Amino acid sequence: MKKNCTHMFKALSDATRQEILALLKEHDMNVSEICQAFEKMSQPTISHHLQILKNCELVDTHKEGKMVYYTMNKKILHDGVVEFFESFEIEF
């Protein structure tokens, strides 16, 4: 199994990061918009989770003015899951 697949699943093992991806599947969001969905979590904590997702390429970023928007990278998620199943010779 490739190292990037392992990093992806490690990132996905956290419930907060799963919730962030669920938000991003609907539309691109900036960190302030994402923070609104997490009442008891600080902006630095959310930014930390976003950085982990970005490091394994599960999210991409783009700037609009001064704001950085995050988008879910569905291709990386798909390819990682396919790679995982193929490593165990499982077809779906």
C-alpha atoms as a PDB file:
ATOM      1  CA  MET A   1       0.000   0.000   0.000  1.00  0.00           C
ATOM      2  CA  LYS A   2       1.329   3.418  -0.885  1.00  0.00           C
ATOM      3  CA  LYS A   3       2.318   5.868   1.818  1.00  0.00           C
ATOM      4  CA  ASN A   4      -0.137   8.543   0.638  1.00  0.00           C
ATOM      5  CA  CYS A   5      -3.054   6.131   1.076  1.00  0.00           C
ATOM      6  CA  THR A   6      -1.963   5.591   4.680  1.00  0.00           C
ATOM      7  CA  HIS A   7      -1.756   9.356   5.274  1.00  0.00           C
ATOM      8  CA  MET A   8      -5.208   9.814   3.791  1.00  0.00           C
ATOM      9  CA  PHE A   9      -6.800   7.240   6.092  1.00  0.00           C
ATOM     10  CA  LYS A  10      -4.956   8.651   9.089  1.00  0.00           C
ATOM     11  CA  ALA A  11      -6.396  12.084   8.281  1.00  0.00           C
ATOM     12  CA  LEU A  12      -9.854  10.567   7.813  1.00  0.00           C
ATOM     13  CA  SER A  13      -9.709   8.784  11.172  1.00  0.00           C
ATOM     14  CA  ASP A  14     -10.604  12.034  12.944  1.00  0.00           C
ATOM     15  CA  ALA A  15     -14.338  12.808  13.280  1.00  0.00           C
ATOM     16  CA  THR A  16     -13.798  16.578  13.015  1.00  0.00           C
ATOM     17  CA  ARG A  17     -11.971  16.200   9.719  1.00  0.00           C
ATOM     18  CA  GLN A  18     -14.755  13.958   8.438  1.00  0.00           C
ATOM     19  CA  GLU A  19     -17.284  16.649   9.371  1.00  0.00           C
ATOM     20  CA  ILE A  20     -15.205  19.303   7.605  1.00  0.00           C
ATOM     21  CA  LEU A  21     -15.163  17.209   4.438  1.00  0.00           C
ATOM     22  CA  ALA A  22     -18.921  16.681   4.713  1.00  0.00           C
ATOM     23  CA  LEU A  23     -19.358  20.474   4.787  1.00  0.00           C
ATOM     24  CA  LEU A  24     -17.047  20.941   1.825  1.00  0.00           C
ATOM     25  CA  LYS A  25     -18.825  18.375  -0.338  1.00  0.00           C
ATOM     26  CA  GLU A  26     -21.673  20.883  -0.669  1.00  0.00           C
ATOM     27  CA  HIS A  27     -19.625  23.953  -1.631  1.00  0.00           C
ATOM     28  CA  ASP A  28     -16.335  25.761  -1.082  1.00  0.00           C
ATOM     29  CA  MET A  29     -15.988  27.473   2.281  1.00  0.00           C
ATOM     30  CA  ASN A  30     -13.508  29.735   4.037  1.00  0.00           C
ATOM     31  CA  VAL A  31     -12.236  29.015   7.538  1.00  0.00           C
ATOM     32  CA  SER A  32     -14.700  31.441   9.150  1.00  0.00           C
ATOM     33  CA  GLU A  33     -17.649  29.693   7.522  1.00  0.00           C
ATOM     34  CA  ILE A  34     -16.327  26.300   8.606  1.00  0.00           C
ATOM     35  CA  CYS A  35     -15.833  27.570  12.180  1.00  0.00           C
ATOM     36  CA  GLN A  36     -19.519  28.529  12.372  1.00  0.00           C
ATOM     37  CA  ALA A  37     -20.401  24.829  12.081  1.00  0.00           C
ATOM     38  CA  PHE A  38     -18.223  23.998  15.107  1.00  0.00           C
ATOM     39  CA  GLU A  39     -19.501  26.034  18.046  1.00  0.00           C
ATOM     40  CA  LYS A  40     -17.001  24.802  20.623  1.00  0.00           C
ATOM     41  CA  MET A  41     -13.887  24.728  18.466  1.00  0.00           C
ATOM     42  CA  SER A  42     -11.477  27.613  17.973  1.00  0.00           C
ATOM     43  CA  GLN A  43     -10.368  28.941  14.590  1.00  0.00           C
ATOM     44  CA  PRO A  44      -6.745  27.805  15.166  1.00  0.00           C
ATOM     45  CA  THR A  45      -7.990  24.264  15.847  1.00  0.00           C
ATOM     46  CA  ILE A  46     -10.079  24.241  12.667  1.00  0.00           C
ATOM     47  CA  SER A  47      -7.107  25.648  10.731  1.00  0.00           C
ATOM     48  CA  HIS A  48      -4.947  22.817  12.111  1.00  0.00           C
ATOM     49  CA  HIS A  49      -7.452  20.227  10.862  1.00  0.00           C
ATOM     50  CA  LEU A  50      -7.618  21.946   7.470  1.00  0.00           C
ATOM     51  CA  GLN A  51      -3.818  21.878   7.214  1.00  0.00           C
ATOM     52  CA  ILE A  52      -3.785  18.122   7.853  1.00  0.00           C
ATOM     53  CA  LEU A  53      -6.415  17.639   5.136  1.00  0.00           C
ATOM     54  CA  LYS A  54      -4.454  19.890   2.792  1.00  0.00           C
ATOM     55  CA  ASN A  55      -1.164  18.064   3.474  1.00  0.00           C
ATOM     56  CA  CYS A  56      -2.653  14.800   2.224  1.00  0.00           C
ATOM     57  CA  GLU A  57      -4.392  16.642  -0.633  1.00  0.00           C
ATOM     58  CA  LEU A  58      -7.938  15.890   0.538  1.00  0.00           C
ATOM     59  CA  VAL A  59      -8.666  19.608   0.277  1.00  0.00           C
ATOM     60  CA  ASP A  60      -7.485  22.211  -2.183  1.00  0.00           C
ATOM     61  CA  THR A  61      -7.420  25.956  -1.661  1.00  0.00           C
ATOM     62  CA  HIS A  62      -7.991  28.997  -3.801  1.00  0.00           C
ATOM     63  CA  LYS A  63      -7.986  32.699  -2.990  1.00  0.00           C
ATOM     64  CA  GLU A  64     -10.748  35.182  -3.630  1.00  0.00           C
ATOM     65  CA  GLY A  65      -9.413  38.546  -2.604  1.00  0.00           C
ATOM     66  CA  LYS A  66      -8.003  38.135   0.898  1.00  0.00           C
ATOM     67  CA  MET A  67     -10.089  35.057   1.682  1.00  0.00           C
ATOM     68  CA  VAL A  68      -8.802  31.499   1.266  1.00  0.00           C
ATOM     69  CA  TYR A  69     -11.478  29.015   0.267  1.00  0.00           C
ATOM     70  CA  TYR A  70     -11.263  25.271   0.795  1.00  0.00           C
ATOM     71  CA  THR A  71     -12.720  22.675  -1.514  1.00  0.00           C
ATOM     72  CA  MET A  72     -12.899  18.905  -1.153  1.00  0.00           C
ATOM     73  CA  ASN A  73     -10.630  17.012  -3.552  1.00  0.00           C
ATOM     74  CA  LYS A  74     -12.972  14.167  -4.495  1.00  0.00           C
ATOM     75  CA  LYS A  75     -10.481  12.644  -6.929  1.00  0.00           C
ATOM     76  CA  ILE A  76      -7.842  12.095  -4.234  1.00  0.00           C
ATOM     77  CA  LEU A  77     -10.463  10.604  -1.912  1.00  0.00           C
ATOM     78  CA  HIS A  78     -11.735   8.308  -4.657  1.00  0.00           C
ATOM     79  CA  ASP A  79      -8.263   7.260  -5.791  1.00  0.00           C
ATOM     80  CA  GLY A  80      -7.176   6.550  -2.206  1.00  0.00           C
ATOM     81  CA  VAL A  81     -10.168   4.308  -1.554  1.00  0.00           C
ATOM     82  CA  VAL A  82      -9.663   2.479  -4.864  1.00  0.00           C
ATOM     83  CA  GLU A  83      -5.948   2.018  -4.076  1.00  0.00           C
ATOM     84  CA  PHE A  84      -6.829   0.649  -0.646  1.00  0.00           C
ATOM     85  CA  PHE A  85      -9.273  -1.926  -2.015  1.00  0.00           C
ATOM     86  CA  GLU A  86      -6.945  -2.908  -4.850  1.00  0.00           C
ATOM     87  CA  SER A  87      -4.132  -3.539  -2.370  1.00  0.00           C
ATOM     88  CA  PHE A  88      -6.312  -6.308  -0.910  1.00  0.00           C
ATOM     89  CA  GLU A  89      -7.469  -7.474  -4.340  1.00  0.00           C
ATOM     90  CA  ILE A  90     -11.040  -6.401  -3.624  1.00  0.00           C
ATOM     91  CA  GLU A  91     -13.138  -5.278  -6.566  1.00  0.00           C
ATOM     92  CA  PHE A  92     -16.185  -3.089  -6.268  1.00  0.00           C
END
